[in-house]
Amino acid sequence: MARREFSRNQKEEIIERARNAEGKVACERCGLILKKGTWEIDHIIPEALRPEVDKKAKITIAEGQLLGKDCCHRGEEGKTNKDVSQIAKAKRQYNGANGLKRPKQPIKSPGFPKAEKASKRSSEQPLPPRALYKPAEETSR
């Protein structure tokens, strides 16, 4: 199903909702006063994380929010980066649970040649086993 976008009228309603008492547009997350063009309208719950049943319903203004580009939406600690990481994790979990990911396998290679010392050790006769306990005669002396 395609991503649902807000209509022009819905965007206008979200902008009006974000205006403060002075009539200035403020970020709905942190309250920072924003200049014209420094904000974006974003889905509160990312569309990629919504179940397909929710995507069939018509989108409402309650599912959107106005965020400042610099303060809350973009950047290292912004909502977009967090959304991207959550979506990637959800895809990994889905693929793992449904067997879509190949299991990890050891690297198939002939291996490395043995060192000289190691090859000498393997060709020699093994040592006889040690006695775990000394006989009682030797310990009493």
N, C-alpha and C. Protein backbone atom coordinates (compact mmCIF):
# COMPACT_ATOMS: atom_id res chain seq x y z
N MET A 1 0.84 -1.17 0.00
CA MET A 1 0.00 0.00 0.00
C MET A 1 0.89 1.24 0.00
N ALA A 2 0.47 2.27 -0.69
CA ALA A 2 1.26 3.49 -0.81
C ALA A 2 1.22 4.30 0.48
N ARG A 3 2.22 5.11 0.62
CA ARG A 3 2.30 5.99 1.79
C ARG A 3 1.17 7.01 1.73
N ARG A 4 0.53 7.25 2.85
CA ARG A 4 -0.55 8.23 2.90
C ARG A 4 0.03 9.60 3.18
N GLU A 5 -0.35 10.58 2.41
CA GLU A 5 0.12 11.96 2.59
C GLU A 5 -1.04 12.84 3.03
N PHE A 6 -0.71 13.93 3.71
CA PHE A 6 -1.72 14.88 4.15
C PHE A 6 -2.14 15.75 2.97
N SER A 7 -3.44 16.06 2.89
CA SER A 7 -3.93 16.94 1.82
C SER A 7 -3.55 18.38 2.16
N ARG A 8 -3.76 19.27 1.21
CA ARG A 8 -3.44 20.68 1.43
C ARG A 8 -4.28 21.24 2.59
N ASN A 9 -5.57 20.91 2.62
CA ASN A 9 -6.44 21.41 3.70
C ASN A 9 -6.00 20.87 5.05
N GLN A 10 -5.59 19.61 5.11
CA GLN A 10 -5.13 19.03 6.37
C GLN A 10 -3.84 19.71 6.83
N LYS A 11 -2.96 20.01 5.90
CA LYS A 11 -1.71 20.71 6.26
C LYS A 11 -2.03 22.09 6.84
N GLU A 12 -2.98 22.79 6.23
CA GLU A 12 -3.37 24.11 6.74
C GLU A 12 -3.94 24.00 8.15
N GLU A 13 -4.74 22.98 8.41
CA GLU A 13 -5.31 22.78 9.74
C GLU A 13 -4.22 22.47 10.77
N ILE A 14 -3.23 21.69 10.38
CA ILE A 14 -2.11 21.38 11.30
C ILE A 14 -1.31 22.64 11.60
N ILE A 15 -1.12 23.49 10.59
CA ILE A 15 -0.38 24.74 10.80
C ILE A 15 -1.17 25.64 11.75
N GLU A 16 -2.47 25.74 11.56
CA GLU A 16 -3.30 26.57 12.44
C GLU A 16 -3.28 26.03 13.88
N ARG A 17 -3.26 24.72 14.02
CA ARG A 17 -3.20 24.11 15.34
C ARG A 17 -1.87 24.42 16.04
N ALA A 18 -0.81 24.58 15.25
CA ALA A 18 0.52 24.82 15.82
C ALA A 18 0.77 26.28 16.17
N ARG A 19 -0.15 27.16 15.82
CA ARG A 19 0.04 28.59 16.15
C ARG A 19 -0.16 28.81 17.64
N ASN A 20 0.68 29.69 18.21
CA ASN A 20 0.56 30.01 19.64
C ASN A 20 -0.41 31.18 19.81
N ALA A 21 -0.51 31.73 21.02
CA ALA A 21 -1.44 32.82 21.31
C ALA A 21 -1.11 34.08 20.52
N GLU A 22 0.15 34.28 20.18
CA GLU A 22 0.56 35.46 19.42
C GLU A 22 0.36 35.28 17.92
N GLY A 23 -0.04 34.07 17.51
CA GLY A 23 -0.27 33.82 16.09
C GLY A 23 0.97 33.36 15.35
N LYS A 24 2.05 33.06 16.07
CA LYS A 24 3.28 32.59 15.43
C LYS A 24 3.29 31.06 15.43
N VAL A 25 3.87 30.48 14.38
CA VAL A 25 3.95 29.03 14.26
C VAL A 25 5.06 28.52 15.18
N ALA A 26 4.71 27.53 16.01
CA ALA A 26 5.67 26.95 16.95
C ALA A 26 5.76 25.45 16.72
N CYS A 27 6.92 24.90 16.99
CA CYS A 27 7.13 23.46 16.90
C CYS A 27 6.22 22.78 17.92
N GLU A 28 5.48 21.77 17.49
CA GLU A 28 4.55 21.10 18.40
C GLU A 28 5.25 20.19 19.39
N ARG A 29 6.52 19.92 19.20
CA ARG A 29 7.24 19.06 20.12
C ARG A 29 7.96 19.86 21.21
N CYS A 30 8.70 20.90 20.81
CA CYS A 30 9.49 21.65 21.79
C CYS A 30 8.98 23.07 22.04
N GLY A 31 8.09 23.59 21.19
CA GLY A 31 7.53 24.92 21.40
C GLY A 31 8.36 26.06 20.84
N LEU A 32 9.44 25.77 20.12
CA LEU A 32 10.29 26.80 19.55
C LEU A 32 9.53 27.54 18.45
N ILE A 33 9.61 28.89 18.46
CA ILE A 33 8.97 29.71 17.43
C ILE A 33 9.75 29.51 16.13
N LEU A 34 9.03 29.26 15.04
CA LEU A 34 9.67 28.93 13.77
C LEU A 34 9.40 30.00 12.72
N LYS A 35 10.38 30.23 11.86
CA LYS A 35 10.22 31.15 10.74
C LYS A 35 9.54 30.41 9.59
N LYS A 36 9.09 31.17 8.64
CA LYS A 36 8.43 30.57 7.47
C LYS A 36 9.42 29.66 6.73
N GLY A 37 8.98 28.44 6.45
CA GLY A 37 9.80 27.49 5.70
C GLY A 37 10.79 26.69 6.53
N THR A 38 10.82 26.90 7.84
CA THR A 38 11.77 26.14 8.67
C THR A 38 11.08 25.01 9.42
N TRP A 39 9.94 24.58 8.94
CA TRP A 39 9.21 23.50 9.59
C TRP A 39 8.72 22.50 8.55
N GLU A 40 8.37 21.32 9.03
CA GLU A 40 7.83 20.26 8.17
C GLU A 40 6.70 19.57 8.91
N ILE A 41 5.76 19.05 8.16
CA ILE A 41 4.66 18.29 8.76
C ILE A 41 5.03 16.81 8.65
N ASP A 42 4.96 16.13 9.78
CA ASP A 42 5.44 14.76 9.86
C ASP A 42 4.36 13.87 10.47
N HIS A 43 4.40 12.60 10.12
CA HIS A 43 3.51 11.62 10.76
C HIS A 43 4.01 11.35 12.17
N ILE A 44 3.11 11.26 13.13
CA ILE A 44 3.52 10.98 14.51
C ILE A 44 4.07 9.56 14.58
N ILE A 45 3.33 8.61 14.03
CA ILE A 45 3.82 7.22 13.92
C ILE A 45 4.26 7.03 12.47
N PRO A 46 5.51 6.63 12.22
CA PRO A 46 5.97 6.48 10.85
C PRO A 46 5.07 5.53 10.05
N GLU A 47 4.81 5.89 8.81
CA GLU A 47 3.93 5.08 7.95
C GLU A 47 4.48 3.67 7.75
N ALA A 48 5.76 3.51 7.72
CA ALA A 48 6.36 2.19 7.52
C ALA A 48 6.13 1.27 8.72
N LEU A 49 5.87 1.83 9.89
CA LEU A 49 5.65 1.02 11.09
C LEU A 49 4.17 0.75 11.34
N ARG A 50 3.31 1.34 10.56
CA ARG A 50 1.86 1.13 10.73
C ARG A 50 1.45 -0.21 10.13
N PRO A 51 0.48 -0.87 10.76
CA PRO A 51 -0.06 -2.10 10.15
C PRO A 51 -0.85 -1.75 8.88
N GLU A 52 -0.96 -2.70 7.98
CA GLU A 52 -1.67 -2.48 6.72
C GLU A 52 -3.13 -2.10 6.94
N VAL A 53 -3.74 -2.60 8.00
CA VAL A 53 -5.14 -2.28 8.29
C VAL A 53 -5.30 -0.79 8.54
N ASP A 54 -4.35 -0.18 9.27
CA ASP A 54 -4.41 1.26 9.55
C ASP A 54 -4.24 2.08 8.28
N LYS A 55 -3.45 1.59 7.34
CA LYS A 55 -3.17 2.35 6.12
C LYS A 55 -4.37 2.43 5.19
N LYS A 56 -5.34 1.53 5.38
CA LYS A 56 -6.53 1.55 4.52
C LYS A 56 -7.49 2.68 4.92
N ALA A 57 -7.42 3.11 6.17
CA ALA A 57 -8.28 4.19 6.64
C ALA A 57 -7.73 5.53 6.14
N LYS A 58 -8.62 6.50 6.02
CA LYS A 58 -8.22 7.83 5.57
C LYS A 58 -7.40 8.52 6.66
N ILE A 59 -6.38 9.24 6.27
CA ILE A 59 -5.50 9.90 7.23
C ILE A 59 -6.19 11.13 7.82
N THR A 60 -5.94 11.40 9.09
CA THR A 60 -6.54 12.54 9.78
C THR A 60 -5.44 13.46 10.28
N ILE A 61 -5.83 14.67 10.69
CA ILE A 61 -4.83 15.62 11.19
C ILE A 61 -4.29 15.20 12.55
N ALA A 62 -5.00 14.33 13.25
CA ALA A 62 -4.51 13.84 14.55
C ALA A 62 -3.28 12.96 14.38
N GLU A 63 -3.05 12.45 13.18
CA GLU A 63 -1.89 11.59 12.91
C GLU A 63 -0.66 12.38 12.47
N GLY A 64 -0.78 13.71 12.40
CA GLY A 64 0.33 14.54 11.97
C GLY A 64 0.74 15.54 13.01
N GLN A 65 1.94 16.08 12.84
CA GLN A 65 2.44 17.11 13.75
C GLN A 65 3.38 18.02 12.99
N LEU A 66 3.48 19.26 13.43
CA LEU A 66 4.36 20.23 12.81
C LEU A 66 5.64 20.28 13.64
N LEU A 67 6.78 20.01 12.98
CA LEU A 67 8.06 19.99 13.68
C LEU A 67 9.03 20.95 13.00
N GLY A 68 9.90 21.57 13.79
CA GLY A 68 10.95 22.41 13.24
C GLY A 68 12.02 21.55 12.59
N LYS A 69 12.53 21.99 11.43
CA LYS A 69 13.55 21.20 10.73
C LYS A 69 14.81 21.07 11.57
N ASP A 70 15.22 22.15 12.20
CA ASP A 70 16.50 22.16 12.93
C ASP A 70 16.38 21.64 14.36
N CYS A 71 15.24 21.87 15.00
CA CYS A 71 15.16 21.52 16.42
C CYS A 71 14.71 20.07 16.67
N CYS A 72 13.69 19.60 15.98
CA CYS A 72 13.13 18.30 16.34
C CYS A 72 13.04 17.29 15.19
N HIS A 73 13.00 17.75 13.95
CA HIS A 73 12.70 16.81 12.86
C HIS A 73 13.95 16.21 12.24
N ARG A 74 14.90 17.01 11.88
CA ARG A 74 16.12 16.53 11.23
C ARG A 74 17.29 16.59 12.21
N GLY A 75 18.44 16.17 11.78
CA GLY A 75 19.62 16.23 12.64
C GLY A 75 19.89 14.91 13.32
N GLU A 76 20.95 14.87 14.10
CA GLU A 76 21.38 13.63 14.75
C GLU A 76 20.35 13.10 15.74
N GLU A 77 19.77 13.98 16.53
CA GLU A 77 18.80 13.57 17.54
C GLU A 77 17.37 13.79 17.07
N GLY A 78 17.17 14.04 15.78
CA GLY A 78 15.85 14.34 15.26
C GLY A 78 14.97 13.11 15.11
N LYS A 79 13.69 13.37 14.91
CA LYS A 79 12.71 12.30 14.80
C LYS A 79 12.95 11.44 13.57
N THR A 80 13.39 12.04 12.47
CA THR A 80 13.60 11.28 11.23
C THR A 80 14.66 10.20 11.42
N ASN A 81 15.78 10.51 12.04
CA ASN A 81 16.83 9.51 12.27
C ASN A 81 16.34 8.38 13.17
N LYS A 82 15.57 8.72 14.19
CA LYS A 82 15.04 7.69 15.08
C LYS A 82 14.05 6.80 14.32
N ASP A 83 13.24 7.43 13.46
CA ASP A 83 12.28 6.65 12.66
C ASP A 83 12.99 5.69 11.73
N VAL A 84 14.04 6.15 11.08
CA VAL A 84 14.79 5.31 10.14
C VAL A 84 15.37 4.10 10.86
N SER A 85 15.94 4.32 12.05
CA SER A 85 16.52 3.19 12.78
C SER A 85 15.44 2.23 13.28
N GLN A 86 14.28 2.75 13.70
CA GLN A 86 13.19 1.88 14.13
C GLN A 86 12.64 1.05 12.96
N ILE A 87 12.53 1.66 11.80
CA ILE A 87 12.02 0.96 10.62
C ILE A 87 12.99 -0.14 10.21
N ALA A 88 14.29 0.15 10.22
CA ALA A 88 15.30 -0.85 9.86
C ALA A 88 15.27 -2.02 10.84
N LYS A 89 15.13 -1.73 12.13
CA LYS A 89 15.07 -2.79 13.14
C LYS A 89 13.82 -3.64 12.93
N ALA A 90 12.69 -3.01 12.64
CA ALA A 90 11.45 -3.75 12.41
C ALA A 90 11.59 -4.68 11.20
N LYS A 91 12.25 -4.21 10.15
CA LYS A 91 12.45 -5.05 8.96
C LYS A 91 13.36 -6.24 9.28
N ARG A 92 14.43 -6.00 10.06
CA ARG A 92 15.33 -7.09 10.44
C ARG A 92 14.59 -8.13 11.27
N GLN A 93 13.78 -7.67 12.22
CA GLN A 93 13.03 -8.60 13.06
C GLN A 93 12.02 -9.39 12.23
N TYR A 94 11.35 -8.74 11.31
CA TYR A 94 10.37 -9.41 10.45
C TYR A 94 11.06 -10.48 9.60
N ASN A 95 12.18 -10.11 8.98
CA ASN A 95 12.91 -11.05 8.14
C ASN A 95 13.43 -12.24 8.94
N GLY A 96 13.92 -11.99 10.14
CA GLY A 96 14.42 -13.07 10.98
C GLY A 96 13.31 -14.01 11.44
N ALA A 97 12.17 -13.44 11.78
CA ALA A 97 11.06 -14.24 12.28
C ALA A 97 10.41 -15.08 11.18
N ASN A 98 10.49 -14.61 9.95
CA ASN A 98 9.83 -15.31 8.84
C ASN A 98 10.80 -16.11 7.99
N GLY A 99 12.02 -16.25 8.43
CA GLY A 99 12.99 -17.08 7.73
C GLY A 99 13.47 -16.51 6.41
N LEU A 100 13.41 -15.20 6.26
CA LEU A 100 13.85 -14.56 5.01
C LEU A 100 15.33 -14.23 5.01
N LYS A 101 15.97 -14.40 6.14
CA LYS A 101 17.39 -14.09 6.26
C LYS A 101 18.17 -15.40 6.29
N ARG A 102 19.20 -15.50 5.48
CA ARG A 102 20.03 -16.71 5.46
C ARG A 102 20.81 -16.81 6.76
N PRO A 103 20.93 -17.99 7.32
CA PRO A 103 21.74 -18.13 8.54
C PRO A 103 23.22 -17.91 8.22
N LYS A 104 23.95 -17.44 9.18
CA LYS A 104 25.37 -17.21 8.98
C LYS A 104 26.09 -18.55 8.81
N GLN A 105 27.02 -18.60 7.87
CA GLN A 105 27.77 -19.83 7.60
C GLN A 105 29.26 -19.54 7.70
N PRO A 106 30.03 -20.54 8.05
CA PRO A 106 31.47 -20.32 8.11
C PRO A 106 32.02 -20.06 6.70
N ILE A 107 33.11 -19.37 6.63
CA ILE A 107 33.74 -19.08 5.35
C ILE A 107 34.31 -20.37 4.79
N LYS A 108 33.97 -20.66 3.56
CA LYS A 108 34.44 -21.89 2.93
C LYS A 108 35.76 -21.59 2.22
N SER A 109 36.84 -22.05 2.81
CA SER A 109 38.17 -21.85 2.23
C SER A 109 39.06 -23.01 2.65
N PRO A 110 40.17 -23.21 1.95
CA PRO A 110 41.05 -24.31 2.31
C PRO A 110 41.78 -24.10 3.63
N GLY A 111 41.79 -22.90 4.14
CA GLY A 111 42.48 -22.64 5.38
C GLY A 111 43.94 -22.24 5.15
N PHE A 112 44.64 -21.98 6.22
CA PHE A 112 46.02 -21.57 6.12
C PHE A 112 46.94 -22.79 6.23
N PRO A 113 48.11 -22.73 5.60
CA PRO A 113 49.05 -23.85 5.75
C PRO A 113 49.59 -23.88 7.18
N LYS A 114 49.90 -25.11 7.65
CA LYS A 114 50.41 -25.25 9.01
C LYS A 114 51.84 -24.75 9.09
N ALA A 115 52.18 -24.20 10.23
CA ALA A 115 53.54 -23.73 10.46
C ALA A 115 54.46 -24.94 10.61
N GLU A 116 55.77 -24.72 10.47
CA GLU A 116 56.74 -25.82 10.56
C GLU A 116 56.68 -26.51 11.92
N LYS A 117 56.62 -25.71 12.98
CA LYS A 117 56.61 -26.28 14.32
C LYS A 117 55.36 -27.14 14.53
N ALA A 118 54.24 -26.67 14.06
CA ALA A 118 53.00 -27.41 14.25
C ALA A 118 53.03 -28.72 13.47
N SER A 119 53.58 -28.70 12.27
CA SER A 119 53.63 -29.94 11.49
C SER A 119 54.60 -30.94 12.13
N LYS A 120 55.69 -30.47 12.76
CA LYS A 120 56.63 -31.38 13.45
C LYS A 120 55.96 -32.00 14.67
N ARG A 121 55.20 -31.21 15.39
CA ARG A 121 54.54 -31.70 16.59
C ARG A 121 53.54 -32.80 16.27
N SER A 122 52.83 -32.64 15.20
CA SER A 122 51.80 -33.64 14.88
C SER A 122 52.42 -34.95 14.39
N SER A 123 53.65 -34.91 13.82
CA SER A 123 54.26 -36.14 13.32
C SER A 123 54.99 -36.92 14.41
N GLU A 124 55.35 -36.28 15.52
CA GLU A 124 56.06 -36.96 16.60
C GLU A 124 55.12 -37.89 17.37
N GLN A 125 55.74 -38.83 18.08
CA GLN A 125 54.96 -39.75 18.90
C GLN A 125 54.42 -38.99 20.12
N PRO A 126 53.19 -39.26 20.52
CA PRO A 126 52.66 -38.58 21.70
C PRO A 126 53.36 -39.09 22.96
N LEU A 127 53.44 -38.26 23.97
CA LEU A 127 54.06 -38.63 25.24
C LEU A 127 53.17 -39.61 25.99
N PRO A 128 53.78 -40.51 26.79
CA PRO A 128 52.95 -41.42 27.57
C PRO A 128 52.22 -40.64 28.65
N PRO A 129 51.08 -41.13 29.11
CA PRO A 129 50.32 -40.40 30.13
C PRO A 129 51.07 -40.36 31.45
N ARG A 130 50.92 -39.26 32.17
CA ARG A 130 51.57 -39.11 33.47
C ARG A 130 50.77 -39.84 34.53
N ALA A 131 51.48 -40.26 35.56
CA ALA A 131 50.80 -40.87 36.69
C ALA A 131 50.18 -39.73 37.50
N LEU A 132 48.91 -39.85 37.82
CA LEU A 132 48.24 -38.79 38.55
C LEU A 132 48.64 -38.77 40.02
N TYR A 133 48.90 -39.94 40.58
CA TYR A 133 49.28 -40.02 41.98
C TYR A 133 50.62 -40.72 42.09
N LYS A 134 51.43 -40.25 43.02
CA LYS A 134 52.71 -40.92 43.25
C LYS A 134 52.45 -42.12 44.16
N PRO A 135 53.22 -43.15 43.98
CA PRO A 135 53.04 -44.32 44.87
C PRO A 135 53.29 -43.92 46.32
N ALA A 136 52.69 -44.61 47.27
CA ALA A 136 52.77 -44.28 48.69
C ALA A 136 54.19 -44.42 49.21
N GLU A 137 55.02 -45.34 48.65
CA GLU A 137 56.39 -45.52 49.12
C GLU A 137 57.22 -44.27 48.92
N GLU A 138 57.01 -43.56 47.80
CA GLU A 138 57.83 -42.39 47.52
C GLU A 138 57.44 -41.21 48.39
N THR A 139 56.19 -41.10 48.76
CA THR A 139 55.74 -39.95 49.54
C THR A 139 56.11 -40.05 51.01
N SER A 140 56.36 -41.29 51.54
CA SER A 140 56.64 -41.45 52.96
C SER A 140 58.11 -41.17 53.30
N ARG A 141 58.97 -41.04 52.39
CA ARG A 141 60.40 -40.85 52.67
C ARG A 141 60.69 -39.56 53.27
